[in-house]
Amino acid sequence: MHRVESLPHRGLISSDGWKLMLAVGDVNELYDLKSDPFERRNLIDDPSQIVRIRDMASRIRDWQIQTEDGAALPSF
């Protein structure tokens, strides 16, 4: 099994076309699917996106609470 396959990943695609993928021990990713449908430009380190990342990560954590999903995720 590849290392990536053994790490829990959680993601969210928002209704306005943003995709966030989070995983401890792997690359976290943020894409604007409207302007970058092939996910070539990872915006996770763009300081202007921190509010969006925190909001989306919070929505993932809310889902984790509702579903009792205990996978560890990075903090933002």
PDB file of N, CA and C in Angstrom:
ATOM      1  N   MET A   1       0.836  -1.178   0.000  1.00  0.00           N
ATOM      2  CA  MET A   1       0.000   0.000   0.000  1.00  0.00           C
ATOM      3  C   MET A   1       0.883   1.243   0.000  1.00  0.00           C
ATOM      4  N   HIS A   2       0.512   2.216  -0.801  1.00  0.00           N
ATOM      5  CA  HIS A   2       1.243   3.477  -0.845  1.00  0.00           C
ATOM      6  C   HIS A   2       0.941   4.293   0.409  1.00  0.00           C
ATOM      7  N   ARG A   3       1.884   5.108   0.806  1.00  0.00           N
ATOM      8  CA  ARG A   3       1.723   5.956   1.993  1.00  0.00           C
ATOM      9  C   ARG A   3       0.464   6.808   1.887  1.00  0.00           C
ATOM     10  N   VAL A   4       0.195   7.378   0.732  1.00  0.00           N
ATOM     11  CA  VAL A   4      -0.971   8.246   0.544  1.00  0.00           C
ATOM     12  C   VAL A   4      -2.260   7.478   0.774  1.00  0.00           C
ATOM     13  N   GLU A   5      -2.303   6.237   0.368  1.00  0.00           N
ATOM     14  CA  GLU A   5      -3.508   5.440   0.542  1.00  0.00           C
ATOM     15  C   GLU A   5      -3.785   5.129   2.004  1.00  0.00           C
ATOM     16  N   SER A   6      -2.766   5.153   2.842  1.00  0.00           N
ATOM     17  CA  SER A   6      -2.956   4.837   4.253  1.00  0.00           C
ATOM     18  C   SER A   6      -3.286   6.069   5.096  1.00  0.00           C
ATOM     19  N   LEU A   7      -3.182   7.258   4.528  1.00  0.00           N
ATOM     20  CA  LEU A   7      -3.475   8.484   5.266  1.00  0.00           C
ATOM     21  C   LEU A   7      -4.929   8.890   5.072  1.00  0.00           C
ATOM     22  N   PRO A   8      -5.606   9.276   6.154  1.00  0.00           N
ATOM     23  CA  PRO A   8      -6.980   9.749   5.978  1.00  0.00           C
ATOM     24  C   PRO A   8      -6.993  11.125   5.313  1.00  0.00           C
ATOM     25  N   HIS A   9      -7.759  11.246   4.277  1.00  0.00           N
ATOM     26  CA  HIS A   9      -7.964  12.508   3.574  1.00  0.00           C
ATOM     27  C   HIS A   9      -9.426  12.897   3.736  1.00  0.00           C
ATOM     28  N   ARG A  10      -9.677  14.163   3.884  1.00  0.00           N
ATOM     29  CA  ARG A  10     -11.042  14.663   3.916  1.00  0.00           C
ATOM     30  C   ARG A  10     -11.102  15.871   2.998  1.00  0.00           C
ATOM     31  N   GLY A  11     -12.192  16.008   2.284  1.00  0.00           N
ATOM     32  CA  GLY A  11     -12.296  17.100   1.333  1.00  0.00           C
ATOM     33  C   GLY A  11     -13.695  17.671   1.251  1.00  0.00           C
ATOM     34  N   LEU A  12     -13.762  18.811   0.594  1.00  0.00           N
ATOM     35  CA  LEU A  12     -15.019  19.516   0.412  1.00  0.00           C
ATOM     36  C   LEU A  12     -14.955  20.274  -0.901  1.00  0.00           C
ATOM     37  N   ILE A  13     -16.009  20.199  -1.669  1.00  0.00           N
ATOM     38  CA  ILE A  13     -16.166  21.052  -2.847  1.00  0.00           C
ATOM     39  C   ILE A  13     -17.346  21.956  -2.548  1.00  0.00           C
ATOM     40  N   SER A  14     -17.100  23.259  -2.550  1.00  0.00           N
ATOM     41  CA  SER A  14     -18.147  24.214  -2.207  1.00  0.00           C
ATOM     42  C   SER A  14     -19.044  24.493  -3.413  1.00  0.00           C
ATOM     43  N   SER A  15     -20.203  25.040  -3.146  1.00  0.00           N
ATOM     44  CA  SER A  15     -21.154  25.343  -4.216  1.00  0.00           C
ATOM     45  C   SER A  15     -20.643  26.442  -5.139  1.00  0.00           C
ATOM     46  N   ASP A  16     -19.668  27.227  -4.681  1.00  0.00           N
ATOM     47  CA  ASP A  16     -19.113  28.271  -5.545  1.00  0.00           C
ATOM     48  C   ASP A  16     -17.820  27.832  -6.244  1.00  0.00           C
ATOM     49  N   GLY A  17     -17.548  26.526  -6.236  1.00  0.00           N
ATOM     50  CA  GLY A  17     -16.478  25.994  -7.069  1.00  0.00           C
ATOM     51  C   GLY A  17     -15.094  25.906  -6.453  1.00  0.00           C
ATOM     52  N   TRP A  18     -14.990  25.888  -5.139  1.00  0.00           N
ATOM     53  CA  TRP A  18     -13.693  25.724  -4.490  1.00  0.00           C
ATOM     54  C   TRP A  18     -13.577  24.314  -3.948  1.00  0.00           C
ATOM     55  N   LYS A  19     -12.380  23.742  -4.026  1.00  0.00           N
ATOM     56  CA  LYS A  19     -12.115  22.392  -3.542  1.00  0.00           C
ATOM     57  C   LYS A  19     -10.984  22.444  -2.527  1.00  0.00           C
ATOM     58  N   LEU A  20     -11.246  21.893  -1.340  1.00  0.00           N
ATOM     59  CA  LEU A  20     -10.237  21.808  -0.284  1.00  0.00           C
ATOM     60  C   LEU A  20     -10.032  20.344   0.057  1.00  0.00           C
ATOM     61  N   MET A  21      -8.786  19.909   0.080  1.00  0.00           N
ATOM     62  CA  MET A  21      -8.421  18.553   0.494  1.00  0.00           C
ATOM     63  C   MET A  21      -7.418  18.673   1.633  1.00  0.00           C
ATOM     64  N   LEU A  22      -7.695  17.973   2.733  1.00  0.00           N
ATOM     65  CA  LEU A  22      -6.834  18.027   3.915  1.00  0.00           C
ATOM     66  C   LEU A  22      -6.381  16.632   4.314  1.00  0.00           C
ATOM     67  N   ALA A  23      -5.131  16.533   4.775  1.00  0.00           N
ATOM     68  CA  ALA A  23      -4.593  15.275   5.295  1.00  0.00           C
ATOM     69  C   ALA A  23      -3.355  15.577   6.120  1.00  0.00           C
ATOM     70  N   VAL A  24      -3.265  14.943   7.273  1.00  0.00           N
ATOM     71  CA  VAL A  24      -2.049  15.054   8.077  1.00  0.00           C
ATOM     72  C   VAL A  24      -0.995  14.169   7.417  1.00  0.00           C
ATOM     73  N   GLY A  25       0.200  14.694   7.210  1.00  0.00           N
ATOM     74  CA  GLY A  25       1.285  13.908   6.638  1.00  0.00           C
ATOM     75  C   GLY A  25       1.307  13.893   5.124  1.00  0.00           C
ATOM     76  N   ASP A  26       0.460  14.704   4.494  1.00  0.00           N
ATOM     77  CA  ASP A  26       0.446  14.782   3.035  1.00  0.00           C
ATOM     78  C   ASP A  26       0.245  16.245   2.641  1.00  0.00           C
ATOM     79  N   VAL A  27       0.262  16.516   1.368  1.00  0.00           N
ATOM     80  CA  VAL A  27       0.067  17.870   0.860  1.00  0.00           C
ATOM     81  C   VAL A  27      -1.408  18.235   0.979  1.00  0.00           C
ATOM     82  N   ASN A  28      -1.682  19.379   1.571  1.00  0.00           N
ATOM     83  CA  ASN A  28      -3.038  19.912   1.600  1.00  0.00           C
ATOM     84  C   ASN A  28      -3.238  20.718   0.321  1.00  0.00           C
ATOM     85  N   GLU A  29      -4.483  20.770  -0.138  1.00  0.00           N
ATOM     86  CA  GLU A  29      -4.728  21.387  -1.433  1.00  0.00           C
ATOM     87  C   GLU A  29      -5.970  22.269  -1.411  1.00  0.00           C
ATOM     88  N   LEU A  30      -5.888  23.382  -2.145  1.00  0.00           N
ATOM     89  CA  LEU A  30      -7.025  24.265  -2.374  1.00  0.00           C
ATOM     90  C   LEU A  30      -6.999  24.678  -3.838  1.00  0.00           C
ATOM     91  N   TYR A  31      -8.136  24.482  -4.505  1.00  0.00           N
ATOM     92  CA  TYR A  31      -8.237  24.838  -5.921  1.00  0.00           C
ATOM     93  C   TYR A  31      -9.501  25.628  -6.185  1.00  0.00           C
ATOM     94  N   ASP A  32      -9.399  26.582  -7.082  1.00  0.00           N
ATOM     95  CA  ASP A  32     -10.557  27.290  -7.619  1.00  0.00           C
ATOM     96  C   ASP A  32     -10.944  26.559  -8.900  1.00  0.00           C
ATOM     97  N   LEU A  33     -11.920  25.688  -8.809  1.00  0.00           N
ATOM     98  CA  LEU A  33     -12.269  24.827  -9.943  1.00  0.00           C
ATOM     99  C   LEU A  33     -12.859  25.600 -11.118  1.00  0.00           C
ATOM    100  N   LYS A  34     -13.365  26.793 -10.863  1.00  0.00           N
ATOM    101  CA  LYS A  34     -13.905  27.602 -11.970  1.00  0.00           C
ATOM    102  C   LYS A  34     -12.787  28.101 -12.883  1.00  0.00           C
ATOM    103  N   SER A  35     -11.713  28.592 -12.284  1.00  0.00           N
ATOM    104  CA  SER A  35     -10.612  29.125 -13.099  1.00  0.00           C
ATOM    105  C   SER A  35      -9.508  28.093 -13.340  1.00  0.00           C
ATOM    106  N   ASP A  36      -9.535  26.996 -12.605  1.00  0.00           N
ATOM    107  CA  ASP A  36      -8.489  25.971 -12.696  1.00  0.00           C
ATOM    108  C   ASP A  36      -9.122  24.570 -12.604  1.00  0.00           C
ATOM    109  N   PRO A  37      -9.927  24.188 -13.598  1.00  0.00           N
ATOM    110  CA  PRO A  37     -10.646  22.907 -13.513  1.00  0.00           C
ATOM    111  C   PRO A  37      -9.744  21.676 -13.509  1.00  0.00           C
ATOM    112  N   PHE A  38      -8.500  21.815 -13.946  1.00  0.00           N
ATOM    113  CA  PHE A  38      -7.576  20.680 -13.976  1.00  0.00           C
ATOM    114  C   PHE A  38      -6.661  20.643 -12.748  1.00  0.00           C
ATOM    115  N   GLU A  39      -6.946  21.509 -11.786  1.00  0.00           N
ATOM    116  CA  GLU A  39      -6.234  21.542 -10.498  1.00  0.00           C
ATOM    117  C   GLU A  39      -4.722  21.618 -10.670  1.00  0.00           C
ATOM    118  N   ARG A  40      -4.297  22.595 -11.398  1.00  0.00           N
ATOM    119  CA  ARG A  40      -2.858  22.774 -11.646  1.00  0.00           C
ATOM    120  C   ARG A  40      -2.205  23.770 -10.693  1.00  0.00           C
ATOM    121  N   ARG A  41      -3.008  24.653 -10.081  1.00  0.00           N
ATOM    122  CA  ARG A  41      -2.448  25.687  -9.204  1.00  0.00           C
ATOM    123  C   ARG A  41      -3.017  25.532  -7.800  1.00  0.00           C
ATOM    124  N   ASN A  42      -2.220  24.948  -6.921  1.00  0.00           N
ATOM    125  CA  ASN A  42      -2.615  24.738  -5.536  1.00  0.00           C
ATOM    126  C   ASN A  42      -2.469  26.054  -4.777  1.00  0.00           C
ATOM    127  N   LEU A  43      -3.577  26.558  -4.246  1.00  0.00           N
ATOM    128  CA  LEU A  43      -3.602  27.853  -3.573  1.00  0.00           C
ATOM    129  C   LEU A  43      -3.524  27.744  -2.055  1.00  0.00           C
ATOM    130  N   ILE A  44      -3.185  26.584  -1.531  1.00  0.00           N
ATOM    131  CA  ILE A  44      -3.195  26.374  -0.083  1.00  0.00           C
ATOM    132  C   ILE A  44      -2.238  27.314   0.651  1.00  0.00           C
ATOM    133  N   ASP A  45      -1.156  27.736   0.029  1.00  0.00           N
ATOM    134  CA  ASP A  45      -0.188  28.623   0.682  1.00  0.00           C
ATOM    135  C   ASP A  45      -0.398  30.091   0.345  1.00  0.00           C
ATOM    136  N   ASP A  46      -1.481  30.413  -0.354  1.00  0.00           N
ATOM    137  CA  ASP A  46      -1.784  31.799  -0.723  1.00  0.00           C
ATOM    138  C   ASP A  46      -2.395  32.494   0.497  1.00  0.00           C
ATOM    139  N   PRO A  47      -1.710  33.470   1.072  1.00  0.00           N
ATOM    140  CA  PRO A  47      -2.216  34.138   2.280  1.00  0.00           C
ATOM    141  C   PRO A  47      -3.605  34.759   2.092  1.00  0.00           C
ATOM    142  N   SER A  48      -3.945  35.129   0.888  1.00  0.00           N
ATOM    143  CA  SER A  48      -5.255  35.746   0.659  1.00  0.00           C
ATOM    144  C   SER A  48      -6.398  34.733   0.745  1.00  0.00           C
ATOM    145  N   GLN A  49      -6.079  33.450   0.855  1.00  0.00           N
ATOM    146  CA  GLN A  49      -7.100  32.406   0.912  1.00  0.00           C
ATOM    147  C   GLN A  49      -7.320  31.838   2.317  1.00  0.00           C
ATOM    148  N   ILE A  50      -6.640  32.379   3.326  1.00  0.00           N
ATOM    149  CA  ILE A  50      -6.703  31.788   4.659  1.00  0.00           C
ATOM    150  C   ILE A  50      -8.117  31.784   5.242  1.00  0.00           C
ATOM    151  N   VAL A  51      -8.894  32.822   4.990  1.00  0.00           N
ATOM    152  CA  VAL A  51     -10.262  32.861   5.514  1.00  0.00           C
ATOM    153  C   VAL A  51     -11.097  31.763   4.860  1.00  0.00           C
ATOM    154  N   ARG A  52     -10.943  31.600   3.566  1.00  0.00           N
ATOM    155  CA  ARG A  52     -11.661  30.553   2.836  1.00  0.00           C
ATOM    156  C   ARG A  52     -11.256  29.169   3.357  1.00  0.00           C
ATOM    157  N   ILE A  53      -9.960  28.951   3.540  1.00  0.00           N
ATOM    158  CA  ILE A  53      -9.456  27.666   4.028  1.00  0.00           C
ATOM    159  C   ILE A  53     -10.023  27.371   5.411  1.00  0.00           C
ATOM    160  N   ARG A  54      -9.987  28.347   6.296  1.00  0.00           N
ATOM    161  CA  ARG A  54     -10.509  28.137   7.651  1.00  0.00           C
ATOM    162  C   ARG A  54     -12.003  27.840   7.630  1.00  0.00           C
ATOM    163  N   ASP A  55     -12.743  28.548   6.796  1.00  0.00           N
ATOM    164  CA  ASP A  55     -14.184  28.313   6.697  1.00  0.00           C
ATOM    165  C   ASP A  55     -14.473  26.904   6.184  1.00  0.00           C
ATOM    166  N   MET A  56     -13.802  26.521   5.133  1.00  0.00           N
ATOM    167  CA  MET A  56     -14.034  25.198   4.552  1.00  0.00           C
ATOM    168  C   MET A  56     -13.574  24.091   5.500  1.00  0.00           C
ATOM    169  N   ALA A  57     -12.435  24.293   6.160  1.00  0.00           N
ATOM    170  CA  ALA A  57     -11.945  23.305   7.119  1.00  0.00           C
ATOM    171  C   ALA A  57     -12.926  23.162   8.285  1.00  0.00           C
ATOM    172  N   SER A  58     -13.523  24.261   8.706  1.00  0.00           N
ATOM    173  CA  SER A  58     -14.516  24.223   9.768  1.00  0.00           C
ATOM    174  C   SER A  58     -15.741  23.410   9.341  1.00  0.00           C
ATOM    175  N   ARG A  59     -16.132  23.532   8.098  1.00  0.00           N
ATOM    176  CA  ARG A  59     -17.268  22.762   7.590  1.00  0.00           C
ATOM    177  C   ARG A  59     -16.940  21.265   7.564  1.00  0.00           C
ATOM    178  N   ILE A  60     -15.706  20.933   7.227  1.00  0.00           N
ATOM    179  CA  ILE A  60     -15.288  19.522   7.265  1.00  0.00           C
ATOM    180  C   ILE A  60     -15.320  19.013   8.698  1.00  0.00           C
ATOM    181  N   ARG A  61     -14.809  19.816   9.646  1.00  0.00           N
ATOM    182  CA  ARG A  61     -14.807  19.395  11.045  1.00  0.00           C
ATOM    183  C   ARG A  61     -16.228  19.238  11.590  1.00  0.00           C
ATOM    184  N   ASP A  62     -17.141  20.116  11.174  1.00  0.00           N
ATOM    185  CA  ASP A  62     -18.543  19.974  11.582  1.00  0.00           C
ATOM    186  C   ASP A  62     -19.098  18.637  11.100  1.00  0.00           C
ATOM    187  N   TRP A  63     -18.780  18.283   9.858  1.00  0.00           N
ATOM    188  CA  TRP A  63     -19.217  16.997   9.311  1.00  0.00           C
ATOM    189  C   TRP A  63     -18.617  15.849  10.115  1.00  0.00           C
ATOM    190  N   GLN A  64     -17.336  15.990  10.489  1.00  0.00           N
ATOM    191  CA  GLN A  64     -16.691  14.947  11.281  1.00  0.00           C
ATOM    192  C   GLN A  64     -17.405  14.744  12.617  1.00  0.00           C
ATOM    193  N   ILE A  65     -17.813  15.829  13.243  1.00  0.00           N
ATOM    194  CA  ILE A  65     -18.531  15.721  14.513  1.00  0.00           C
ATOM    195  C   ILE A  65     -19.866  15.019  14.309  1.00  0.00           C
ATOM    196  N   GLN A  66     -20.584  15.410  13.278  1.00  0.00           N
ATOM    197  CA  GLN A  66     -21.898  14.814  13.000  1.00  0.00           C
ATOM    198  C   GLN A  66     -21.809  13.327  12.698  1.00  0.00           C
ATOM    199  N   THR A  67     -20.730  12.915  12.049  1.00  0.00           N
ATOM    200  CA  THR A  67     -20.603  11.515  11.629  1.00  0.00           C
ATOM    201  C   THR A  67     -19.692  10.705  12.548  1.00  0.00           C
ATOM    202  N   GLU A  68     -19.201  11.354  13.613  1.00  0.00           N
ATOM    203  CA  GLU A  68     -18.271  10.716  14.543  1.00  0.00           C
ATOM    204  C   GLU A  68     -17.006  10.208  13.852  1.00  0.00           C
ATOM    205  N   ASP A  69     -16.557  10.988  12.884  1.00  0.00           N
ATOM    206  CA  ASP A  69     -15.332  10.673  12.155  1.00  0.00           C
ATOM    207  C   ASP A  69     -14.154  11.247  12.949  1.00  0.00           C
ATOM    208  N   GLY A  70     -13.240  10.383  13.375  1.00  0.00           N
ATOM    209  CA  GLY A  70     -12.138  10.828  14.226  1.00  0.00           C
ATOM    210  C   GLY A  70     -10.824  11.031  13.512  1.00  0.00           C
ATOM    211  N   ALA A  71     -10.837  11.099  12.197  1.00  0.00           N
ATOM    212  CA  ALA A  71      -9.576  11.299  11.462  1.00  0.00           C
ATOM    213  C   ALA A  71      -8.942  12.625  11.832  1.00  0.00           C
ATOM    214  N   ALA A  72      -7.646  12.582  12.081  1.00  0.00           N
ATOM    215  CA  ALA A  72      -6.907  13.811  12.395  1.00  0.00           C
ATOM    216  C   ALA A  72      -6.759  14.644  11.137  1.00  0.00           C
ATOM    217  N   LEU A  73      -6.903  15.940  11.299  1.00  0.00           N
ATOM    218  CA  LEU A  73      -6.719  16.866  10.187  1.00  0.00           C
ATOM    219  C   LEU A  73      -5.809  18.005  10.633  1.00  0.00           C
ATOM    220  N   PRO A  74      -5.108  18.625   9.697  1.00  0.00           N
ATOM    221  CA  PRO A  74      -4.237  19.744  10.047  1.00  0.00           C
ATOM    222  C   PRO A  74      -5.061  20.945  10.502  1.00  0.00           C
ATOM    223  N   SER A  75      -4.460  21.782  11.287  1.00  0.00           N
ATOM    224  CA  SER A  75      -5.109  23.011  11.763  1.00  0.00           C
ATOM    225  C   SER A  75      -4.734  24.186  10.876  1.00  0.00           C
ATOM    226  N   PHE A  76      -5.687  25.068  10.693  1.00  0.00           N
ATOM    227  CA  PHE A  76      -5.436  26.316   9.933  1.00  0.00           C
ATOM    228  C   PHE A  76      -5.947  27.485  10.723  1.00  0.00           C
TER     229      PHE A  76
END
